[in-house]
Amino acid sequence: MVAEGSPVIVFDGVCLLCSRWVNFVLRHDHAGRYRLAAMQGEYGRALLQAHGLSADDPSSFLLVQDGLGHTDTDAIIRVLTGFGRGWRFVAWLLRAVPRLLRDPAYRWIARHRYRLFGRRSQCRLPDPIYAGRFLD
């Protein structure tokens, strides 16, 4: 079970790229610190709106950590850092690329994610092992 107050990742539950990202998080978050909320659910939608993102067409996933919302590559870097040792180095490498370059590239992929990677007709259902980490 995930502790109350854990960071929450809001993701697009029908996007295949986003589903792969969720699988990656579940596989590498050995401490189980991240909770996950699909933007199509009530909780995910409310978090997006509370942090000034469109719940109908977000161009980024959202990480809410310590009450603050992080998006784009900053959110990815924070998640990777949370995985621990080796991933902190990967996060450091990403951080070395100027945000002026990395964020536009991220937003382009986010805008074209369905065309590039596909989409599901409905939100993914979590594996029973991880069900407690999903909100909604």
N, C-alpha and C. Protein backbone atom coordinates (compact mmCIF):
# COMPACT_ATOMS: atom_id res chain seq x y z
N MET A 1 0.84 -1.19 0.00
CA MET A 1 0.00 0.00 0.00
C MET A 1 0.89 1.25 0.00
N VAL A 2 0.42 2.29 -0.66
CA VAL A 2 1.20 3.52 -0.79
C VAL A 2 0.83 4.46 0.35
N ALA A 3 1.84 5.09 0.92
CA ALA A 3 1.63 6.00 2.04
C ALA A 3 0.89 7.25 1.62
N GLU A 4 0.07 7.77 2.52
CA GLU A 4 -0.63 9.03 2.29
C GLU A 4 0.40 10.14 2.14
N GLY A 5 0.15 11.07 1.23
CA GLY A 5 1.09 12.15 1.01
C GLY A 5 2.19 11.82 0.02
N SER A 6 2.13 10.63 -0.58
CA SER A 6 3.12 10.24 -1.59
C SER A 6 2.94 11.10 -2.83
N PRO A 7 4.01 11.26 -3.61
CA PRO A 7 3.88 11.98 -4.88
C PRO A 7 2.89 11.26 -5.80
N VAL A 8 2.17 12.04 -6.60
CA VAL A 8 1.17 11.48 -7.51
C VAL A 8 1.55 11.86 -8.95
N ILE A 9 1.55 10.87 -9.81
CA ILE A 9 1.77 11.08 -11.24
C ILE A 9 0.41 11.00 -11.92
N VAL A 10 0.03 12.07 -12.62
CA VAL A 10 -1.21 12.08 -13.40
C VAL A 10 -0.81 11.82 -14.85
N PHE A 11 -1.42 10.80 -15.44
CA PHE A 11 -1.04 10.38 -16.80
C PHE A 11 -2.30 10.19 -17.64
N ASP A 12 -2.11 10.12 -18.95
CA ASP A 12 -3.20 9.89 -19.89
C ASP A 12 -3.44 8.38 -19.96
N GLY A 13 -4.58 7.95 -19.44
CA GLY A 13 -4.87 6.52 -19.32
C GLY A 13 -5.16 5.80 -20.62
N VAL A 14 -5.39 6.52 -21.72
CA VAL A 14 -5.65 5.86 -22.99
C VAL A 14 -4.45 5.92 -23.94
N CYS A 15 -3.45 6.68 -23.60
CA CYS A 15 -2.25 6.84 -24.43
C CYS A 15 -1.32 5.65 -24.23
N LEU A 16 -0.91 5.02 -25.32
CA LEU A 16 -0.02 3.85 -25.22
C LEU A 16 1.38 4.23 -24.73
N LEU A 17 1.89 5.39 -25.14
CA LEU A 17 3.18 5.84 -24.63
C LEU A 17 3.09 6.07 -23.12
N CYS A 18 2.02 6.70 -22.68
CA CYS A 18 1.84 6.96 -21.25
C CYS A 18 1.70 5.66 -20.47
N SER A 19 1.05 4.67 -21.05
CA SER A 19 0.94 3.37 -20.40
C SER A 19 2.30 2.72 -20.25
N ARG A 20 3.15 2.89 -21.25
CA ARG A 20 4.52 2.37 -21.15
C ARG A 20 5.30 3.09 -20.05
N TRP A 21 5.07 4.40 -19.94
CA TRP A 21 5.71 5.18 -18.87
C TRP A 21 5.25 4.67 -17.51
N VAL A 22 3.95 4.40 -17.36
CA VAL A 22 3.43 3.87 -16.10
C VAL A 22 4.07 2.51 -15.80
N ASN A 23 4.18 1.66 -16.79
CA ASN A 23 4.84 0.36 -16.60
C ASN A 23 6.29 0.54 -16.15
N PHE A 24 6.96 1.51 -16.75
CA PHE A 24 8.35 1.82 -16.39
C PHE A 24 8.42 2.27 -14.92
N VAL A 25 7.52 3.15 -14.54
CA VAL A 25 7.49 3.63 -13.15
C VAL A 25 7.25 2.46 -12.20
N LEU A 26 6.28 1.63 -12.50
CA LEU A 26 5.98 0.49 -11.62
C LEU A 26 7.17 -0.47 -11.51
N ARG A 27 7.87 -0.66 -12.60
CA ARG A 27 9.01 -1.58 -12.62
C ARG A 27 10.21 -1.05 -11.84
N HIS A 28 10.42 0.28 -11.86
CA HIS A 28 11.63 0.85 -11.27
C HIS A 28 11.41 1.55 -9.92
N ASP A 29 10.19 1.77 -9.55
CA ASP A 29 9.89 2.41 -8.26
C ASP A 29 9.80 1.33 -7.18
N HIS A 30 10.95 0.77 -6.82
CA HIS A 30 11.00 -0.34 -5.87
C HIS A 30 10.48 0.05 -4.50
N ALA A 31 10.62 1.31 -4.14
CA ALA A 31 10.15 1.77 -2.83
C ALA A 31 8.64 2.00 -2.83
N GLY A 32 8.02 2.01 -4.01
CA GLY A 32 6.57 2.22 -4.09
C GLY A 32 6.14 3.61 -3.64
N ARG A 33 6.96 4.60 -3.93
CA ARG A 33 6.65 5.95 -3.45
C ARG A 33 5.65 6.70 -4.31
N TYR A 34 5.50 6.35 -5.57
CA TYR A 34 4.61 7.10 -6.46
C TYR A 34 3.23 6.47 -6.55
N ARG A 35 2.21 7.31 -6.46
CA ARG A 35 0.84 6.89 -6.74
C ARG A 35 0.52 7.38 -8.15
N LEU A 36 -0.44 6.74 -8.78
CA LEU A 36 -0.77 7.03 -10.18
C LEU A 36 -2.25 7.34 -10.32
N ALA A 37 -2.55 8.36 -11.12
CA ALA A 37 -3.94 8.74 -11.36
C ALA A 37 -4.12 9.05 -12.84
N ALA A 38 -5.05 8.38 -13.47
CA ALA A 38 -5.35 8.67 -14.88
C ALA A 38 -6.08 10.00 -14.97
N MET A 39 -5.75 10.77 -15.99
CA MET A 39 -6.40 12.07 -16.16
C MET A 39 -7.88 11.92 -16.46
N GLN A 40 -8.30 10.73 -16.87
CA GLN A 40 -9.71 10.49 -17.16
C GLN A 40 -10.52 10.24 -15.89
N GLY A 41 -9.86 10.01 -14.78
CA GLY A 41 -10.55 9.77 -13.51
C GLY A 41 -10.82 11.09 -12.79
N GLU A 42 -11.66 11.03 -11.79
CA GLU A 42 -12.02 12.24 -11.04
C GLU A 42 -10.81 12.86 -10.34
N TYR A 43 -10.02 12.04 -9.69
CA TYR A 43 -8.87 12.54 -8.94
C TYR A 43 -7.82 13.15 -9.86
N GLY A 44 -7.48 12.45 -10.93
CA GLY A 44 -6.50 12.97 -11.88
C GLY A 44 -6.97 14.25 -12.54
N ARG A 45 -8.23 14.28 -12.92
CA ARG A 45 -8.82 15.48 -13.54
C ARG A 45 -8.75 16.67 -12.59
N ALA A 46 -9.11 16.43 -11.32
CA ALA A 46 -9.09 17.51 -10.33
C ALA A 46 -7.67 18.03 -10.10
N LEU A 47 -6.70 17.14 -10.07
CA LEU A 47 -5.31 17.58 -9.90
C LEU A 47 -4.83 18.41 -11.08
N LEU A 48 -5.16 17.98 -12.30
CA LEU A 48 -4.79 18.77 -13.48
C LEU A 48 -5.37 20.17 -13.39
N GLN A 49 -6.65 20.26 -13.10
CA GLN A 49 -7.31 21.57 -13.01
C GLN A 49 -6.72 22.42 -11.89
N ALA A 50 -6.43 21.80 -10.76
CA ALA A 50 -5.87 22.53 -9.62
C ALA A 50 -4.49 23.11 -9.93
N HIS A 51 -3.79 22.52 -10.89
CA HIS A 51 -2.45 22.98 -11.24
C HIS A 51 -2.42 23.69 -12.59
N GLY A 52 -3.59 24.14 -13.03
CA GLY A 52 -3.67 24.99 -14.22
C GLY A 52 -3.50 24.29 -15.55
N LEU A 53 -3.72 22.97 -15.59
CA LEU A 53 -3.61 22.23 -16.85
C LEU A 53 -5.00 21.83 -17.33
N SER A 54 -5.18 21.79 -18.63
CA SER A 54 -6.45 21.37 -19.20
C SER A 54 -6.66 19.88 -18.98
N ALA A 55 -7.77 19.55 -18.38
CA ALA A 55 -8.07 18.13 -18.16
C ALA A 55 -8.58 17.48 -19.44
N ASP A 56 -8.97 18.28 -20.43
CA ASP A 56 -9.50 17.74 -21.67
C ASP A 56 -8.42 17.51 -22.72
N ASP A 57 -7.35 18.28 -22.68
CA ASP A 57 -6.28 18.13 -23.66
C ASP A 57 -4.95 18.54 -23.05
N PRO A 58 -4.49 17.81 -22.05
CA PRO A 58 -3.20 18.19 -21.45
C PRO A 58 -2.05 17.87 -22.40
N SER A 59 -1.07 18.75 -22.41
CA SER A 59 0.10 18.52 -23.25
C SER A 59 1.25 17.95 -22.44
N SER A 60 0.96 17.57 -21.21
CA SER A 60 1.99 17.05 -20.34
C SER A 60 1.37 16.18 -19.27
N PHE A 61 2.16 15.28 -18.72
CA PHE A 61 1.69 14.61 -17.53
C PHE A 61 2.09 15.49 -16.35
N LEU A 62 1.50 15.24 -15.23
CA LEU A 62 1.71 16.07 -14.05
C LEU A 62 2.25 15.22 -12.92
N LEU A 63 3.25 15.74 -12.22
CA LEU A 63 3.74 15.15 -10.98
C LEU A 63 3.42 16.13 -9.87
N VAL A 64 2.65 15.68 -8.89
CA VAL A 64 2.37 16.52 -7.73
C VAL A 64 3.18 15.95 -6.58
N GLN A 65 4.10 16.78 -6.09
CA GLN A 65 5.02 16.34 -5.04
C GLN A 65 5.15 17.47 -4.02
N ASP A 66 4.92 17.14 -2.77
CA ASP A 66 4.98 18.13 -1.69
C ASP A 66 4.07 19.32 -1.97
N GLY A 67 2.92 19.05 -2.57
CA GLY A 67 1.93 20.09 -2.85
C GLY A 67 2.22 20.93 -4.08
N LEU A 68 3.34 20.71 -4.74
CA LEU A 68 3.70 21.48 -5.93
C LEU A 68 3.52 20.63 -7.18
N GLY A 69 3.06 21.27 -8.26
CA GLY A 69 2.89 20.58 -9.53
C GLY A 69 4.11 20.77 -10.41
N HIS A 70 4.60 19.69 -10.98
CA HIS A 70 5.74 19.72 -11.90
C HIS A 70 5.31 19.08 -13.21
N THR A 71 5.72 19.67 -14.33
CA THR A 71 5.32 19.16 -15.64
C THR A 71 6.54 19.02 -16.54
N ASP A 72 6.27 18.49 -17.71
CA ASP A 72 7.27 18.36 -18.77
C ASP A 72 8.50 17.60 -18.29
N THR A 73 9.67 18.01 -18.75
CA THR A 73 10.88 17.26 -18.43
C THR A 73 11.28 17.41 -16.96
N ASP A 74 10.87 18.50 -16.32
CA ASP A 74 11.17 18.63 -14.89
C ASP A 74 10.48 17.52 -14.10
N ALA A 75 9.27 17.17 -14.49
CA ALA A 75 8.55 16.09 -13.81
C ALA A 75 9.25 14.76 -14.04
N ILE A 76 9.68 14.52 -15.26
CA ILE A 76 10.39 13.27 -15.57
C ILE A 76 11.67 13.18 -14.75
N ILE A 77 12.42 14.26 -14.69
CA ILE A 77 13.68 14.28 -13.94
C ILE A 77 13.42 14.01 -12.46
N ARG A 78 12.38 14.59 -11.90
CA ARG A 78 12.06 14.36 -10.49
C ARG A 78 11.68 12.89 -10.24
N VAL A 79 10.91 12.31 -11.15
CA VAL A 79 10.53 10.91 -10.98
C VAL A 79 11.77 10.02 -11.04
N LEU A 80 12.61 10.23 -12.03
CA LEU A 80 13.83 9.43 -12.16
C LEU A 80 14.72 9.56 -10.92
N THR A 81 14.84 10.77 -10.41
CA THR A 81 15.63 11.00 -9.20
C THR A 81 15.07 10.20 -8.03
N GLY A 82 13.76 10.08 -7.97
CA GLY A 82 13.11 9.34 -6.90
C GLY A 82 13.37 7.84 -6.94
N PHE A 83 13.82 7.33 -8.07
CA PHE A 83 14.10 5.89 -8.18
C PHE A 83 15.38 5.50 -7.45
N GLY A 84 16.29 6.44 -7.26
CA GLY A 84 17.51 6.11 -6.54
C GLY A 84 18.77 6.24 -7.36
N ARG A 85 19.82 5.64 -6.86
CA ARG A 85 21.20 5.81 -7.33
C ARG A 85 21.43 5.96 -8.82
N GLY A 86 21.35 4.88 -9.57
CA GLY A 86 21.67 4.91 -10.99
C GLY A 86 20.79 5.87 -11.77
N TRP A 87 19.56 5.98 -11.37
CA TRP A 87 18.62 6.86 -12.06
C TRP A 87 18.91 8.32 -11.78
N ARG A 88 19.53 8.61 -10.65
CA ARG A 88 19.91 10.00 -10.37
C ARG A 88 20.93 10.49 -11.39
N PHE A 89 21.80 9.60 -11.84
CA PHE A 89 22.77 9.96 -12.88
C PHE A 89 22.07 10.26 -14.20
N VAL A 90 21.10 9.43 -14.55
CA VAL A 90 20.32 9.66 -15.79
C VAL A 90 19.59 10.99 -15.69
N ALA A 91 19.02 11.28 -14.52
CA ALA A 91 18.33 12.55 -14.31
C ALA A 91 19.31 13.72 -14.44
N TRP A 92 20.52 13.54 -13.91
CA TRP A 92 21.54 14.58 -14.02
C TRP A 92 21.89 14.84 -15.48
N LEU A 93 22.00 13.77 -16.28
CA LEU A 93 22.28 13.94 -17.71
C LEU A 93 21.17 14.71 -18.41
N LEU A 94 19.93 14.37 -18.09
CA LEU A 94 18.80 15.09 -18.69
C LEU A 94 18.80 16.56 -18.28
N ARG A 95 19.09 16.80 -17.01
CA ARG A 95 19.12 18.17 -16.50
C ARG A 95 20.24 18.98 -17.17
N ALA A 96 21.28 18.31 -17.66
CA ALA A 96 22.38 19.00 -18.34
C ALA A 96 21.94 19.59 -19.67
N VAL A 97 20.89 19.02 -20.26
CA VAL A 97 20.34 19.59 -21.51
C VAL A 97 19.49 20.79 -21.11
N PRO A 98 19.72 21.94 -21.71
CA PRO A 98 18.95 23.13 -21.34
C PRO A 98 17.44 22.92 -21.51
N ARG A 99 16.69 23.39 -20.55
CA ARG A 99 15.22 23.27 -20.59
C ARG A 99 14.66 23.87 -21.87
N LEU A 100 15.32 24.91 -22.37
CA LEU A 100 14.91 25.55 -23.62
C LEU A 100 14.87 24.57 -24.79
N LEU A 101 15.68 23.51 -24.72
CA LEU A 101 15.70 22.48 -25.77
C LEU A 101 14.83 21.28 -25.40
N ARG A 102 14.92 20.82 -24.16
CA ARG A 102 14.24 19.57 -23.78
C ARG A 102 12.73 19.73 -23.67
N ASP A 103 12.24 20.85 -23.14
CA ASP A 103 10.79 20.99 -22.98
C ASP A 103 10.04 21.09 -24.31
N PRO A 104 10.51 21.89 -25.29
CA PRO A 104 9.81 21.89 -26.58
C PRO A 104 9.78 20.51 -27.25
N ALA A 105 10.87 19.76 -27.13
CA ALA A 105 10.89 18.40 -27.70
C ALA A 105 9.85 17.53 -26.99
N TYR A 106 9.80 17.63 -25.68
CA TYR A 106 8.81 16.86 -24.92
C TYR A 106 7.39 17.24 -25.33
N ARG A 107 7.11 18.55 -25.43
CA ARG A 107 5.76 19.01 -25.77
C ARG A 107 5.35 18.56 -27.18
N TRP A 108 6.31 18.52 -28.11
CA TRP A 108 6.00 18.06 -29.47
C TRP A 108 5.57 16.60 -29.41
N ILE A 109 6.31 15.78 -28.70
CA ILE A 109 5.94 14.37 -28.56
C ILE A 109 4.59 14.25 -27.86
N ALA A 110 4.35 15.02 -26.82
CA ALA A 110 3.09 14.97 -26.09
C ALA A 110 1.91 15.33 -26.99
N ARG A 111 2.08 16.35 -27.83
CA ARG A 111 1.00 16.77 -28.75
C ARG A 111 0.68 15.70 -29.79
N HIS A 112 1.68 14.94 -30.20
CA HIS A 112 1.52 13.95 -31.26
C HIS A 112 1.53 12.52 -30.74
N ARG A 113 1.33 12.33 -29.44
CA ARG A 113 1.49 11.01 -28.82
C ARG A 113 0.54 9.97 -29.39
N TYR A 114 -0.70 10.32 -29.70
CA TYR A 114 -1.64 9.34 -30.22
C TYR A 114 -1.24 8.90 -31.63
N ARG A 115 -0.83 9.86 -32.44
CA ARG A 115 -0.43 9.55 -33.81
C ARG A 115 0.86 8.72 -33.84
N LEU A 116 1.80 9.04 -32.97
CA LEU A 116 3.08 8.34 -32.96
C LEU A 116 3.03 6.97 -32.29
N PHE A 117 2.25 6.86 -31.20
CA PHE A 117 2.30 5.64 -30.39
C PHE A 117 0.98 4.91 -30.27
N GLY A 118 -0.12 5.56 -30.64
CA GLY A 118 -1.43 4.93 -30.58
C GLY A 118 -2.17 5.22 -29.28
N ARG A 119 -3.40 4.72 -29.25
CA ARG A 119 -4.23 4.93 -28.06
C ARG A 119 -5.15 3.75 -27.87
N ARG A 120 -5.61 3.58 -26.65
CA ARG A 120 -6.59 2.53 -26.30
C ARG A 120 -7.98 3.13 -26.39
N SER A 121 -8.98 2.27 -26.48
CA SER A 121 -10.35 2.76 -26.50
C SER A 121 -10.86 3.08 -25.09
N GLN A 122 -10.18 2.54 -24.07
CA GLN A 122 -10.55 2.84 -22.69
C GLN A 122 -9.29 2.84 -21.82
N CYS A 123 -9.40 3.39 -20.63
CA CYS A 123 -8.25 3.47 -19.71
C CYS A 123 -7.73 2.09 -19.37
N ARG A 124 -6.44 2.01 -19.14
CA ARG A 124 -5.82 0.75 -18.75
C ARG A 124 -6.27 0.37 -17.35
N LEU A 125 -6.36 -0.89 -17.11
CA LEU A 125 -6.67 -1.40 -15.78
C LEU A 125 -5.37 -1.87 -15.16
N PRO A 126 -5.13 -1.52 -13.90
CA PRO A 126 -3.87 -1.93 -13.26
C PRO A 126 -3.85 -3.42 -12.96
N ASP A 127 -2.65 -3.98 -13.00
CA ASP A 127 -2.48 -5.36 -12.55
C ASP A 127 -2.86 -5.41 -11.08
N PRO A 128 -3.46 -6.50 -10.63
CA PRO A 128 -3.88 -6.60 -9.23
C PRO A 128 -2.76 -6.33 -8.23
N ILE A 129 -1.53 -6.67 -8.59
CA ILE A 129 -0.40 -6.44 -7.67
C ILE A 129 -0.21 -4.96 -7.39
N TYR A 130 -0.50 -4.12 -8.39
CA TYR A 130 -0.27 -2.68 -8.28
C TYR A 130 -1.55 -1.88 -8.04
N ALA A 131 -2.67 -2.52 -7.91
CA ALA A 131 -3.95 -1.81 -7.82
C ALA A 131 -3.95 -0.77 -6.70
N GLY A 132 -3.28 -1.04 -5.59
CA GLY A 132 -3.26 -0.09 -4.47
C GLY A 132 -2.50 1.18 -4.75
N ARG A 133 -1.73 1.20 -5.82
CA ARG A 133 -0.95 2.40 -6.17
C ARG A 133 -1.72 3.34 -7.08
N PHE A 134 -2.84 2.88 -7.63
CA PHE A 134 -3.66 3.68 -8.53
C PHE A 134 -4.79 4.36 -7.76
N LEU A 135 -5.01 5.62 -8.06
CA LEU A 135 -6.11 6.36 -7.47
C LEU A 135 -7.28 6.36 -8.46
N ASP A 136 -8.47 6.38 -7.98
CA ASP A 136 -9.70 6.35 -8.81
C ASP A 136 -10.04 4.94 -9.21
